[in-house]
Amino acid sequence: MHSKSWIIAAVTVALTVTVAVAAPVREQDPELVYFENVRDENGYSFSYKTKDGQFREEQGTIDPETGILRVTGVYRFIGTDGETYEYSYEADENGYRIVEKPPPAGISNTVLLSLVG
């Protein structure tokens, strides 16, 4: 099986398993505030939020030319220290990685660097 065919087959299985596994969770888990899972011929998207402050949102699209699944998303949780942590990520043929978020608008790099020391 060519690698492109293998990737498409793996994505199809993963998407099918995701929908099959995730669908009943909403009805069984009272900790969920909301849950959404959408799948179509171009890929998928899902999001959820729990009562304890966890949040995750993810989109996956298949590049029609290469067959490679490209995923972007964000997750957020409240740590044991009471602080909220949020991470953006992406995954593709180069693996999974956290994506640096740009600094908030209105704060110059000079000001940010002065705060760091």
PDB file of N, CA and C in Angstrom:
ATOM      1  N   MET A   1       0.855  -1.167   0.000  1.00  0.00           N
ATOM      2  CA  MET A   1       0.000   0.000   0.000  1.00  0.00           C
ATOM      3  C   MET A   1       0.899   1.227   0.000  1.00  0.00           C
ATOM      4  N   HIS A   2       0.650   2.171  -0.894  1.00  0.00           N
ATOM      5  CA  HIS A   2       1.437   3.402  -0.950  1.00  0.00           C
ATOM      6  C   HIS A   2       1.212   4.204   0.317  1.00  0.00           C
ATOM      7  N   SER A   3       2.187   5.058   0.662  1.00  0.00           N
ATOM      8  CA  SER A   3       2.067   5.813   1.911  1.00  0.00           C
ATOM      9  C   SER A   3       0.852   6.743   1.890  1.00  0.00           C
ATOM     10  N   LYS A   4       0.514   7.308   0.723  1.00  0.00           N
ATOM     11  CA  LYS A   4      -0.659   8.178   0.631  1.00  0.00           C
ATOM     12  C   LYS A   4      -1.932   7.381   0.918  1.00  0.00           C
ATOM     13  N   SER A   5      -2.032   6.194   0.361  1.00  0.00           N
ATOM     14  CA  SER A   5      -3.192   5.339   0.600  1.00  0.00           C
ATOM     15  C   SER A   5      -3.256   4.914   2.054  1.00  0.00           C
ATOM     16  N   TRP A   6      -2.095   4.623   2.633  1.00  0.00           N
ATOM     17  CA  TRP A   6      -2.042   4.223   4.034  1.00  0.00           C
ATOM     18  C   TRP A   6      -2.521   5.356   4.932  1.00  0.00           C
ATOM     19  N   ILE A   7      -2.085   6.585   4.652  1.00  0.00           N
ATOM     20  CA  ILE A   7      -2.488   7.742   5.455  1.00  0.00           C
ATOM     21  C   ILE A   7      -3.987   7.948   5.370  1.00  0.00           C
ATOM     22  N   ILE A   8      -4.541   7.880   4.168  1.00  0.00           N
ATOM     23  CA  ILE A   8      -5.989   8.069   4.000  1.00  0.00           C
ATOM     24  C   ILE A   8      -6.747   6.979   4.750  1.00  0.00           C
ATOM     25  N   ALA A   9      -6.271   5.736   4.661  1.00  0.00           N
ATOM     26  CA  ALA A   9      -6.934   4.645   5.363  1.00  0.00           C
ATOM     27  C   ALA A   9      -6.855   4.849   6.872  1.00  0.00           C
ATOM     28  N   ALA A  10      -5.700   5.272   7.369  1.00  0.00           N
ATOM     29  CA  ALA A  10      -5.537   5.497   8.810  1.00  0.00           C
ATOM     30  C   ALA A  10      -6.434   6.627   9.294  1.00  0.00           C
ATOM     31  N   VAL A  11      -6.528   7.689   8.495  1.00  0.00           N
ATOM     32  CA  VAL A  11      -7.380   8.826   8.871  1.00  0.00           C
ATOM     33  C   VAL A  11      -8.839   8.401   8.897  1.00  0.00           C
ATOM     34  N   THR A  12      -9.252   7.629   7.906  1.00  0.00           N
ATOM     35  CA  THR A  12     -10.636   7.164   7.854  1.00  0.00           C
ATOM     36  C   THR A  12     -10.967   6.334   9.083  1.00  0.00           C
ATOM     37  N   VAL A  13     -10.083   5.423   9.451  1.00  0.00           N
ATOM     38  CA  VAL A  13     -10.306   4.600  10.640  1.00  0.00           C
ATOM     39  C   VAL A  13     -10.336   5.472  11.888  1.00  0.00           C
ATOM     40  N   ALA A  14      -9.397   6.408  12.007  1.00  0.00           N
ATOM     41  CA  ALA A  14      -9.335   7.280  13.185  1.00  0.00           C
ATOM     42  C   ALA A  14     -10.596   8.121  13.306  1.00  0.00           C
ATOM     43  N   LEU A  15     -11.057   8.671  12.189  1.00  0.00           N
ATOM     44  CA  LEU A  15     -12.267   9.493  12.232  1.00  0.00           C
ATOM     45  C   LEU A  15     -13.479   8.655  12.617  1.00  0.00           C
ATOM     46  N   THR A  16     -13.568   7.455  12.088  1.00  0.00           N
ATOM     47  CA  THR A  16     -14.681   6.577  12.409  1.00  0.00           C
ATOM     48  C   THR A  16     -14.658   6.213  13.890  1.00  0.00           C
ATOM     49  N   VAL A  17     -13.490   5.861  14.400  1.00  0.00           N
ATOM     50  CA  VAL A  17     -13.362   5.505  15.811  1.00  0.00           C
ATOM     51  C   VAL A  17     -13.685   6.711  16.684  1.00  0.00           C
ATOM     52  N   THR A  18     -13.202   7.903  16.295  1.00  0.00           N
ATOM     53  CA  THR A  18     -13.474   9.110  17.079  1.00  0.00           C
ATOM     54  C   THR A  18     -14.964   9.347  17.214  1.00  0.00           C
ATOM     55  N   VAL A  19     -15.688   9.269  16.116  1.00  0.00           N
ATOM     56  CA  VAL A  19     -17.128   9.508  16.169  1.00  0.00           C
ATOM     57  C   VAL A  19     -17.817   8.412  16.970  1.00  0.00           C
ATOM     58  N   ALA A  20     -17.438   7.163  16.749  1.00  0.00           N
ATOM     59  CA  ALA A  20     -18.087   6.056  17.441  1.00  0.00           C
ATOM     60  C   ALA A  20     -17.827   6.091  18.945  1.00  0.00           C
ATOM     61  N   VAL A  21     -16.613   6.460  19.343  1.00  0.00           N
ATOM     62  CA  VAL A  21     -16.271   6.483  20.759  1.00  0.00           C
ATOM     63  C   VAL A  21     -16.803   7.727  21.442  1.00  0.00           C
ATOM     64  N   ALA A  22     -16.722   8.872  20.769  1.00  0.00           N
ATOM     65  CA  ALA A  22     -17.079  10.131  21.411  1.00  0.00           C
ATOM     66  C   ALA A  22     -18.579  10.335  21.545  1.00  0.00           C
ATOM     67  N   ALA A  23     -19.353   9.833  20.628  1.00  0.00           N
ATOM     68  CA  ALA A  23     -20.794  10.098  20.651  1.00  0.00           C
ATOM     69  C   ALA A  23     -21.465   9.700  21.960  1.00  0.00           C
ATOM     70  N   PRO A  24     -21.242   8.500  22.517  1.00  0.00           N
ATOM     71  CA  PRO A  24     -21.933   8.126  23.742  1.00  0.00           C
ATOM     72  C   PRO A  24     -21.443   8.874  24.979  1.00  0.00           C
ATOM     73  N   VAL A  25     -20.214   9.409  24.962  1.00  0.00           N
ATOM     74  CA  VAL A  25     -19.648  10.077  26.122  1.00  0.00           C
ATOM     75  C   VAL A  25     -20.537  11.217  26.589  1.00  0.00           C
ATOM     76  N   ARG A  26     -21.095  11.958  25.673  1.00  0.00           N
ATOM     77  CA  ARG A  26     -21.930  13.101  26.027  1.00  0.00           C
ATOM     78  C   ARG A  26     -23.112  12.679  26.900  1.00  0.00           C
ATOM     79  N   GLU A  27     -23.679  11.549  26.583  1.00  0.00           N
ATOM     80  CA  GLU A  27     -24.836  11.076  27.335  1.00  0.00           C
ATOM     81  C   GLU A  27     -24.431  10.443  28.663  1.00  0.00           C
ATOM     82  N   GLN A  28     -23.202   9.956  28.767  1.00  0.00           N
ATOM     83  CA  GLN A  28     -22.775   9.241  29.957  1.00  0.00           C
ATOM     84  C   GLN A  28     -21.987  10.096  30.946  1.00  0.00           C
ATOM     85  N   ASP A  29     -21.464  11.237  30.526  1.00  0.00           N
ATOM     86  CA  ASP A  29     -20.587  12.020  31.393  1.00  0.00           C
ATOM     87  C   ASP A  29     -21.270  13.311  31.846  1.00  0.00           C
ATOM     88  N   PRO A  30     -21.727  13.361  33.072  1.00  0.00           N
ATOM     89  CA  PRO A  30     -22.409  14.561  33.575  1.00  0.00           C
ATOM     90  C   PRO A  30     -21.466  15.743  33.769  1.00  0.00           C
ATOM     91  N   GLU A  31     -20.148  15.518  33.664  1.00  0.00           N
ATOM     92  CA  GLU A  31     -19.177  16.608  33.827  1.00  0.00           C
ATOM     93  C   GLU A  31     -19.042  17.469  32.582  1.00  0.00           C
ATOM     94  N   LEU A  32     -19.592  17.015  31.447  1.00  0.00           N
ATOM     95  CA  LEU A  32     -19.501  17.789  30.210  1.00  0.00           C
ATOM     96  C   LEU A  32     -20.478  18.964  30.221  1.00  0.00           C
ATOM     97  N   VAL A  33     -19.970  20.145  29.876  1.00  0.00           N
ATOM     98  CA  VAL A  33     -20.823  21.313  29.684  1.00  0.00           C
ATOM     99  C   VAL A  33     -21.367  21.262  28.259  1.00  0.00           C
ATOM    100  N   TYR A  34     -20.472  20.989  27.306  1.00  0.00           N
ATOM    101  CA  TYR A  34     -20.912  20.757  25.932  1.00  0.00           C
ATOM    102  C   TYR A  34     -19.899  19.898  25.196  1.00  0.00           C
ATOM    103  N   PHE A  35     -20.379  19.303  24.111  1.00  0.00           N
ATOM    104  CA  PHE A  35     -19.562  18.437  23.272  1.00  0.00           C
ATOM    105  C   PHE A  35     -20.105  18.526  21.858  1.00  0.00           C
ATOM    106  N   GLU A  36     -19.208  18.723  20.903  1.00  0.00           N
ATOM    107  CA  GLU A  36     -19.623  18.781  19.508  1.00  0.00           C
ATOM    108  C   GLU A  36     -18.592  18.036  18.675  1.00  0.00           C
ATOM    109  N   ASN A  37     -19.066  17.231  17.732  1.00  0.00           N
ATOM    110  CA  ASN A  37     -18.187  16.453  16.877  1.00  0.00           C
ATOM    111  C   ASN A  37     -18.795  16.422  15.481  1.00  0.00           C
ATOM    112  N   VAL A  38     -18.063  16.968  14.512  1.00  0.00           N
ATOM    113  CA  VAL A  38     -18.557  17.046  13.139  1.00  0.00           C
ATOM    114  C   VAL A  38     -17.521  16.414  12.221  1.00  0.00           C
ATOM    115  N   ARG A  39     -18.003  15.646  11.279  1.00  0.00           N
ATOM    116  CA  ARG A  39     -17.121  14.994  10.321  1.00  0.00           C
ATOM    117  C   ARG A  39     -17.735  15.122   8.940  1.00  0.00           C
ATOM    118  N   ASP A  40     -16.900  15.406   7.937  1.00  0.00           N
ATOM    119  CA  ASP A  40     -17.367  15.434   6.553  1.00  0.00           C
ATOM    120  C   ASP A  40     -16.236  14.987   5.629  1.00  0.00           C
ATOM    121  N   GLU A  41     -16.444  15.103   4.331  1.00  0.00           N
ATOM    122  CA  GLU A  41     -15.448  14.609   3.375  1.00  0.00           C
ATOM    123  C   GLU A  41     -14.140  15.396   3.419  1.00  0.00           C
ATOM    124  N   ASN A  42     -14.143  16.591   4.003  1.00  0.00           N
ATOM    125  CA  ASN A  42     -12.938  17.414   4.071  1.00  0.00           C
ATOM    126  C   ASN A  42     -12.143  17.229   5.356  1.00  0.00           C
ATOM    127  N   GLY A  43     -12.727  16.551   6.336  1.00  0.00           N
ATOM    128  CA  GLY A  43     -12.022  16.359   7.601  1.00  0.00           C
ATOM    129  C   GLY A  43     -12.983  16.296   8.772  1.00  0.00           C
ATOM    130  N   TYR A  44     -12.581  16.912   9.882  1.00  0.00           N
ATOM    131  CA  TYR A  44     -13.405  16.856  11.080  1.00  0.00           C
ATOM    132  C   TYR A  44     -13.161  18.085  11.946  1.00  0.00           C
ATOM    133  N   SER A  45     -14.033  18.280  12.906  1.00  0.00           N
ATOM    134  CA  SER A  45     -13.817  19.264  13.965  1.00  0.00           C
ATOM    135  C   SER A  45     -14.558  18.773  15.195  1.00  0.00           C
ATOM    136  N   PHE A  46     -14.002  19.070  16.347  1.00  0.00           N
ATOM    137  CA  PHE A  46     -14.704  18.759  17.585  1.00  0.00           C
ATOM    138  C   PHE A  46     -14.304  19.755  18.652  1.00  0.00           C
ATOM    139  N   SER A  47     -15.155  19.869  19.648  1.00  0.00           N
ATOM    140  CA  SER A  47     -14.851  20.707  20.796  1.00  0.00           C
ATOM    141  C   SER A  47     -15.631  20.195  21.995  1.00  0.00           C
ATOM    142  N   TYR A  48     -15.085  20.461  23.165  1.00  0.00           N
ATOM    143  CA  TYR A  48     -15.811  20.128  24.384  1.00  0.00           C
ATOM    144  C   TYR A  48     -15.350  21.046  25.506  1.00  0.00           C
ATOM    145  N   LYS A  49     -16.183  21.139  26.516  1.00  0.00           N
ATOM    146  CA  LYS A  49     -15.854  21.873  27.728  1.00  0.00           C
ATOM    147  C   LYS A  49     -16.423  21.088  28.898  1.00  0.00           C
ATOM    148  N   THR A  50     -15.631  20.990  29.970  1.00  0.00           N
ATOM    149  CA  THR A  50     -16.089  20.272  31.151  1.00  0.00           C
ATOM    150  C   THR A  50     -16.370  21.251  32.290  1.00  0.00           C
ATOM    151  N   LYS A  51     -17.084  20.777  33.270  1.00  0.00           N
ATOM    152  CA  LYS A  51     -17.440  21.623  34.413  1.00  0.00           C
ATOM    153  C   LYS A  51     -16.226  22.098  35.196  1.00  0.00           C
ATOM    154  N   ASP A  52     -15.126  21.348  35.139  1.00  0.00           N
ATOM    155  CA  ASP A  52     -13.929  21.751  35.879  1.00  0.00           C
ATOM    156  C   ASP A  52     -13.010  22.683  35.088  1.00  0.00           C
ATOM    157  N   GLY A  53     -13.492  23.204  33.954  1.00  0.00           N
ATOM    158  CA  GLY A  53     -12.739  24.211  33.204  1.00  0.00           C
ATOM    159  C   GLY A  53     -11.891  23.702  32.066  1.00  0.00           C
ATOM    160  N   GLN A  54     -11.887  22.403  31.812  1.00  0.00           N
ATOM    161  CA  GLN A  54     -11.132  21.903  30.664  1.00  0.00           C
ATOM    162  C   GLN A  54     -11.856  22.283  29.379  1.00  0.00           C
ATOM    163  N   PHE A  55     -11.083  22.599  28.354  1.00  0.00           N
ATOM    164  CA  PHE A  55     -11.647  22.961  27.058  1.00  0.00           C
ATOM    165  C   PHE A  55     -10.705  22.443  25.983  1.00  0.00           C
ATOM    166  N   ARG A  56     -11.282  21.934  24.908  1.00  0.00           N
ATOM    167  CA  ARG A  56     -10.475  21.513  23.770  1.00  0.00           C
ATOM    168  C   ARG A  56     -11.265  21.739  22.501  1.00  0.00           C
ATOM    169  N   GLU A  57     -10.561  22.238  21.494  1.00  0.00           N
ATOM    170  CA  GLU A  57     -11.160  22.456  20.177  1.00  0.00           C
ATOM    171  C   GLU A  57     -10.121  22.032  19.151  1.00  0.00           C
ATOM    172  N   GLU A  58     -10.549  21.253  18.161  1.00  0.00           N
ATOM    173  CA  GLU A  58      -9.607  20.735  17.175  1.00  0.00           C
ATOM    174  C   GLU A  58     -10.261  20.638  15.810  1.00  0.00           C
ATOM    175  N   GLN A  59      -9.471  20.942  14.776  1.00  0.00           N
ATOM    176  CA  GLN A  59      -9.915  20.800  13.396  1.00  0.00           C
ATOM    177  C   GLN A  59      -8.864  19.987  12.642  1.00  0.00           C
ATOM    178  N   GLY A  60      -9.330  19.083  11.826  1.00  0.00           N
ATOM    179  CA  GLY A  60      -8.436  18.295  10.992  1.00  0.00           C
ATOM    180  C   GLY A  60      -8.915  18.330   9.556  1.00  0.00           C
ATOM    181  N   THR A  61      -8.002  18.604   8.643  1.00  0.00           N
ATOM    182  CA  THR A  61      -8.347  18.619   7.220  1.00  0.00           C
ATOM    183  C   THR A  61      -7.342  17.759   6.468  1.00  0.00           C
ATOM    184  N   ILE A  62      -7.824  17.137   5.423  1.00  0.00           N
ATOM    185  CA  ILE A  62      -6.972  16.309   4.591  1.00  0.00           C
ATOM    186  C   ILE A  62      -6.601  17.108   3.350  1.00  0.00           C
ATOM    187  N   ASP A  63      -5.306  17.256   3.124  1.00  0.00           N
ATOM    188  CA  ASP A  63      -4.825  17.958   1.934  1.00  0.00           C
ATOM    189  C   ASP A  63      -5.176  17.099   0.723  1.00  0.00           C
ATOM    190  N   PRO A  64      -6.005  17.620  -0.202  1.00  0.00           N
ATOM    191  CA  PRO A  64      -6.445  16.798  -1.337  1.00  0.00           C
ATOM    192  C   PRO A  64      -5.311  16.382  -2.276  1.00  0.00           C
ATOM    193  N   GLU A  65      -4.227  17.147  -2.306  1.00  0.00           N
ATOM    194  CA  GLU A  65      -3.119  16.812  -3.203  1.00  0.00           C
ATOM    195  C   GLU A  65      -2.195  15.745  -2.622  1.00  0.00           C
ATOM    196  N   THR A  66      -1.959  15.805  -1.300  1.00  0.00           N
ATOM    197  CA  THR A  66      -1.006  14.873  -0.686  1.00  0.00           C
ATOM    198  C   THR A  66      -1.680  13.792   0.143  1.00  0.00           C
ATOM    199  N   GLY A  67      -2.925  14.014   0.546  1.00  0.00           N
ATOM    200  CA  GLY A  67      -3.611  13.069   1.412  1.00  0.00           C
ATOM    201  C   GLY A  67      -3.170  13.150   2.865  1.00  0.00           C
ATOM    202  N   ILE A  68      -2.379  14.168   3.201  1.00  0.00           N
ATOM    203  CA  ILE A  68      -1.858  14.317   4.558  1.00  0.00           C
ATOM    204  C   ILE A  68      -2.886  15.013   5.446  1.00  0.00           C
ATOM    205  N   LEU A  69      -3.094  14.463   6.614  1.00  0.00           N
ATOM    206  CA  LEU A  69      -3.993  15.058   7.594  1.00  0.00           C
ATOM    207  C   LEU A  69      -3.252  16.168   8.325  1.00  0.00           C
ATOM    208  N   ARG A  70      -3.826  17.346   8.343  1.00  0.00           N
ATOM    209  CA  ARG A  70      -3.266  18.487   9.069  1.00  0.00           C
ATOM    210  C   ARG A  70      -4.244  18.856  10.175  1.00  0.00           C
ATOM    211  N   VAL A  71      -3.735  18.930  11.381  1.00  0.00           N
ATOM    212  CA  VAL A  71      -4.568  19.166  12.561  1.00  0.00           C
ATOM    213  C   VAL A  71      -4.119  20.442  13.258  1.00  0.00           C
ATOM    214  N   THR A  72      -5.083  21.251  13.666  1.00  0.00           N
ATOM    215  CA  THR A  72      -4.806  22.414  14.500  1.00  0.00           C
ATOM    216  C   THR A  72      -5.786  22.383  15.656  1.00  0.00           C
ATOM    217  N   GLY A  73      -5.358  22.906  16.782  1.00  0.00           N
ATOM    218  CA  GLY A  73      -6.264  22.912  17.916  1.00  0.00           C
ATOM    219  C   GLY A  73      -5.739  23.716  19.078  1.00  0.00           C
ATOM    220  N   VAL A  74      -6.552  23.736  20.115  1.00  0.00           N
ATOM    221  CA  VAL A  74      -6.206  24.432  21.345  1.00  0.00           C
ATOM    222  C   VAL A  74      -6.797  23.652  22.516  1.00  0.00           C
ATOM    223  N   TYR A  75      -6.078  23.604  23.613  1.00  0.00           N
ATOM    224  CA  TYR A  75      -6.654  23.032  24.824  1.00  0.00           C
ATOM    225  C   TYR A  75      -6.319  23.933  26.009  1.00  0.00           C
ATOM    226  N   ARG A  76      -7.209  23.912  26.985  1.00  0.00           N
ATOM    227  CA  ARG A  76      -7.081  24.782  28.144  1.00  0.00           C
ATOM    228  C   ARG A  76      -7.512  23.996  29.380  1.00  0.00           C
ATOM    229  N   PHE A  77      -6.819  24.236  30.475  1.00  0.00           N
ATOM    230  CA  PHE A  77      -7.190  23.583  31.732  1.00  0.00           C
ATOM    231  C   PHE A  77      -6.748  24.455  32.894  1.00  0.00           C
ATOM    232  N   ILE A  78      -7.302  24.188  34.045  1.00  0.00           N
ATOM    233  CA  ILE A  78      -6.915  24.890  35.262  1.00  0.00           C
ATOM    234  C   ILE A  78      -5.996  23.950  36.038  1.00  0.00           C
ATOM    235  N   GLY A  79      -4.785  24.439  36.313  1.00  0.00           N
ATOM    236  CA  GLY A  79      -3.801  23.627  37.013  1.00  0.00           C
ATOM    237  C   GLY A  79      -4.094  23.526  38.500  1.00  0.00           C
ATOM    238  N   THR A  80      -3.347  22.673  39.172  1.00  0.00           N
ATOM    239  CA  THR A  80      -3.520  22.508  40.616  1.00  0.00           C
ATOM    240  C   THR A  80      -3.166  23.781  41.376  1.00  0.00           C
ATOM    241  N   ASP A  81      -2.436  24.698  40.715  1.00  0.00           N
ATOM    242  CA  ASP A  81      -2.088  25.980  41.325  1.00  0.00           C
ATOM    243  C   ASP A  81      -3.180  27.034  41.131  1.00  0.00           C
ATOM    244  N   GLY A  82      -4.284  26.646  40.464  1.00  0.00           N
ATOM    245  CA  GLY A  82      -5.385  27.570  40.226  1.00  0.00           C
ATOM    246  C   GLY A  82      -5.224  28.427  38.981  1.00  0.00           C
ATOM    247  N   GLU A  83      -4.079  28.351  38.323  1.00  0.00           N
ATOM    248  CA  GLU A  83      -3.825  29.119  37.103  1.00  0.00           C
ATOM    249  C   GLU A  83      -4.427  28.399  35.896  1.00  0.00           C
ATOM    250  N   THR A  84      -4.854  29.195  34.901  1.00  0.00           N
ATOM    251  CA  THR A  84      -5.370  28.637  33.660  1.00  0.00           C
ATOM    252  C   THR A  84      -4.229  28.525  32.655  1.00  0.00           C
ATOM    253  N   TYR A  85      -4.104  27.362  32.053  1.00  0.00           N
ATOM    254  CA  TYR A  85      -3.071  27.112  31.051  1.00  0.00           C
ATOM    255  C   TYR A  85      -3.745  26.833  29.715  1.00  0.00           C
ATOM    256  N   GLU A  86      -3.203  27.432  28.650  1.00  0.00           N
ATOM    257  CA  GLU A  86      -3.768  27.227  27.318  1.00  0.00           C
ATOM    258  C   GLU A  86      -2.646  27.005  26.329  1.00  0.00           C
ATOM    259  N   TYR A  87      -2.821  26.020  25.475  1.00  0.00           N
ATOM    260  CA  TYR A  87      -1.819  25.677  24.473  1.00  0.00           C
ATOM    261  C   TYR A  87      -2.483  25.491  23.118  1.00  0.00           C
ATOM    262  N   SER A  88      -1.874  26.090  22.104  1.00  0.00           N
ATOM    263  CA  SER A  88      -2.283  25.853  20.723  1.00  0.00           C
ATOM    264  C   SER A  88      -1.315  24.836  20.139  1.00  0.00           C
ATOM    265  N   TYR A  89      -1.815  23.985  19.263  1.00  0.00           N
ATOM    266  CA  TYR A  89      -0.952  22.961  18.693  1.00  0.00           C
ATOM    267  C   TYR A  89      -1.313  22.719  17.235  1.00  0.00           C
ATOM    268  N   GLU A  90      -0.401  22.055  16.565  1.00  0.00           N
ATOM    269  CA  GLU A  90      -0.649  21.596  15.200  1.00  0.00           C
ATOM    270  C   GLU A  90       0.071  20.269  15.014  1.00  0.00           C
ATOM    271  N   ALA A  91      -0.431  19.502  14.073  1.00  0.00           N
ATOM    272  CA  ALA A  91       0.183  18.214  13.762  1.00  0.00           C
ATOM    273  C   ALA A  91       0.010  17.960  12.270  1.00  0.00           C
ATOM    274  N   ASP A  92       1.042  17.416  11.672  1.00  0.00           N
ATOM    275  CA  ASP A  92       1.016  17.094  10.246  1.00  0.00           C
ATOM    276  C   ASP A  92       2.120  16.079   9.976  1.00  0.00           C
ATOM    277  N   GLU A  93       2.620  16.043   8.764  1.00  0.00           N
ATOM    278  CA  GLU A  93       3.656  15.076   8.430  1.00  0.00           C
ATOM    279  C   GLU A  93       4.939  15.306   9.229  1.00  0.00           C
ATOM    280  N   ASN A  94       5.065  16.466   9.878  1.00  0.00           N
ATOM    281  CA  ASN A  94       6.242  16.767  10.685  1.00  0.00           C
ATOM    282  C   ASN A  94       6.034  16.467  12.175  1.00  0.00           C
ATOM    283  N   GLY A  95       4.906  15.860  12.520  1.00  0.00           N
ATOM    284  CA  GLY A  95       4.643  15.504  13.906  1.00  0.00           C
ATOM    285  C   GLY A  95       3.768  16.509  14.634  1.00  0.00           C
ATOM    286  N   TYR A  96       3.670  16.325  15.944  1.00  0.00           N
ATOM    287  CA  TYR A  96       2.853  17.148  16.827  1.00  0.00           C
ATOM    288  C   TYR A  96       3.750  18.199  17.462  1.00  0.00           C
ATOM    289  N   ARG A  97       3.251  19.443  17.530  1.00  0.00           N
ATOM    290  CA  ARG A  97       4.035  20.485  18.170  1.00  0.00           C
ATOM    291  C   ARG A  97       3.141  21.585  18.732  1.00  0.00           C
ATOM    292  N   ILE A  98       3.595  22.166  19.837  1.00  0.00           N
ATOM    293  CA  ILE A  98       2.929  23.317  20.434  1.00  0.00           C
ATOM    294  C   ILE A  98       3.297  24.533  19.588  1.00  0.00           C
ATOM    295  N   VAL A  99       2.319  25.384  19.324  1.00  0.00           N
ATOM    296  CA  VAL A  99       2.539  26.575  18.520  1.00  0.00           C
ATOM    297  C   VAL A  99       2.574  27.782  19.450  1.00  0.00           C
ATOM    298  N   GLU A 100       3.614  28.576  19.314  1.00  0.00           N
ATOM    299  CA  GLU A 100       3.715  29.778  20.137  1.00  0.00           C
ATOM    300  C   GLU A 100       2.618  30.754  19.754  1.00  0.00           C
ATOM    301  N   LYS A 101       1.987  31.298  20.777  1.00  0.00           N
ATOM    302  CA  LYS A 101       0.958  32.297  20.526  1.00  0.00           C
ATOM    303  C   LYS A 101       1.630  33.664  20.421  1.00  0.00           C
ATOM    304  N   PRO A 102       1.171  34.503  19.492  1.00  0.00           N
ATOM    305  CA  PRO A 102       1.759  35.840  19.383  1.00  0.00           C
ATOM    306  C   PRO A 102       1.420  36.660  20.621  1.00  0.00           C
ATOM    307  N   PRO A 103       2.269  37.659  20.947  1.00  0.00           N
ATOM    308  CA  PRO A 103       1.956  38.493  22.103  1.00  0.00           C
ATOM    309  C   PRO A 103       0.673  39.279  21.859  1.00  0.00           C
ATOM    310  N   PRO A 104      -0.035  39.638  22.922  1.00  0.00           N
ATOM    311  CA  PRO A 104      -1.268  40.407  22.764  1.00  0.00           C
ATOM    312  C   PRO A 104      -1.007  41.710  22.011  1.00  0.00           C
ATOM    313  N   ALA A 105      -1.972  42.135  21.222  1.00  0.00           N
ATOM    314  CA  ALA A 105      -1.845  43.389  20.469  1.00  0.00           C
ATOM    315  C   ALA A 105      -1.643  44.539  21.443  1.00  0.00           C
ATOM    316  N   GLY A 106      -0.811  45.484  21.048  1.00  0.00           N
ATOM    317  CA  GLY A 106      -0.604  46.669  21.865  1.00  0.00           C
ATOM    318  C   GLY A 106       0.619  46.572  22.765  1.00  0.00           C
ATOM    319  N   ILE A 107       1.235  45.395  22.875  1.00  0.00           N
ATOM    320  CA  ILE A 107       2.449  45.276  23.682  1.00  0.00           C
ATOM    321  C   ILE A 107       3.609  45.036  22.729  1.00  0.00           C
ATOM    322  N   SER A 108       4.552  45.952  22.723  1.00  0.00           N
ATOM    323  CA  SER A 108       5.681  45.835  21.802  1.00  0.00           C
ATOM    324  C   SER A 108       6.671  44.783  22.300  1.00  0.00           C
ATOM    325  N   ASN A 109       7.482  44.287  21.380  1.00  0.00           N
ATOM    326  CA  ASN A 109       8.512  43.317  21.754  1.00  0.00           C
ATOM    327  C   ASN A 109       9.491  43.919  22.757  1.00  0.00           C
ATOM    328  N   THR A 110       9.773  45.221  22.641  1.00  0.00           N
ATOM    329  CA  THR A 110      10.676  45.887  23.565  1.00  0.00           C
ATOM    330  C   THR A 110      10.143  45.814  24.999  1.00  0.00           C
ATOM    331  N   VAL A 111       8.856  46.083  25.149  1.00  0.00           N
ATOM    332  CA  VAL A 111       8.241  46.023  26.475  1.00  0.00           C
ATOM    333  C   VAL A 111       8.273  44.595  27.002  1.00  0.00           C
ATOM    334  N   LEU A 112       7.936  43.634  26.155  1.00  0.00           N
ATOM    335  CA  LEU A 112       7.980  42.241  26.592  1.00  0.00           C
ATOM    336  C   LEU A 112       9.368  41.824  27.027  1.00  0.00           C
ATOM    337  N   LEU A 113      10.393  42.206  26.243  1.00  0.00           N
ATOM    338  CA  LEU A 113      11.758  41.853  26.594  1.00  0.00           C
ATOM    339  C   LEU A 113      12.210  42.522  27.897  1.00  0.00           C
ATOM    340  N   SER A 114      11.730  43.741  28.139  1.00  0.00           N
ATOM    341  CA  SER A 114      12.101  44.415  29.383  1.00  0.00           C
ATOM    342  C   SER A 114      11.499  43.712  30.589  1.00  0.00           C
ATOM    343  N   LEU A 115      10.338  43.086  30.414  1.00  0.00           N
ATOM    344  CA  LEU A 115       9.704  42.361  31.507  1.00  0.00           C
ATOM    345  C   LEU A 115      10.451  41.073  31.837  1.00  0.00           C
ATOM    346  N   VAL A 116      11.067  40.488  30.814  1.00  0.00           N
ATOM    347  CA  VAL A 116      11.792  39.240  30.996  1.00  0.00           C
ATOM    348  C   VAL A 116      13.127  39.493  31.696  1.00  0.00           C
ATOM    349  N   GLY A 117      13.699  40.629  31.413  1.00  0.00           N
ATOM    350  CA  GLY A 117      14.929  40.950  32.116  1.00  0.00           C
ATOM    351  C   GLY A 117      16.017  41.222  31.226  1.00  0.00           C
TER     352      GLY A 117
END
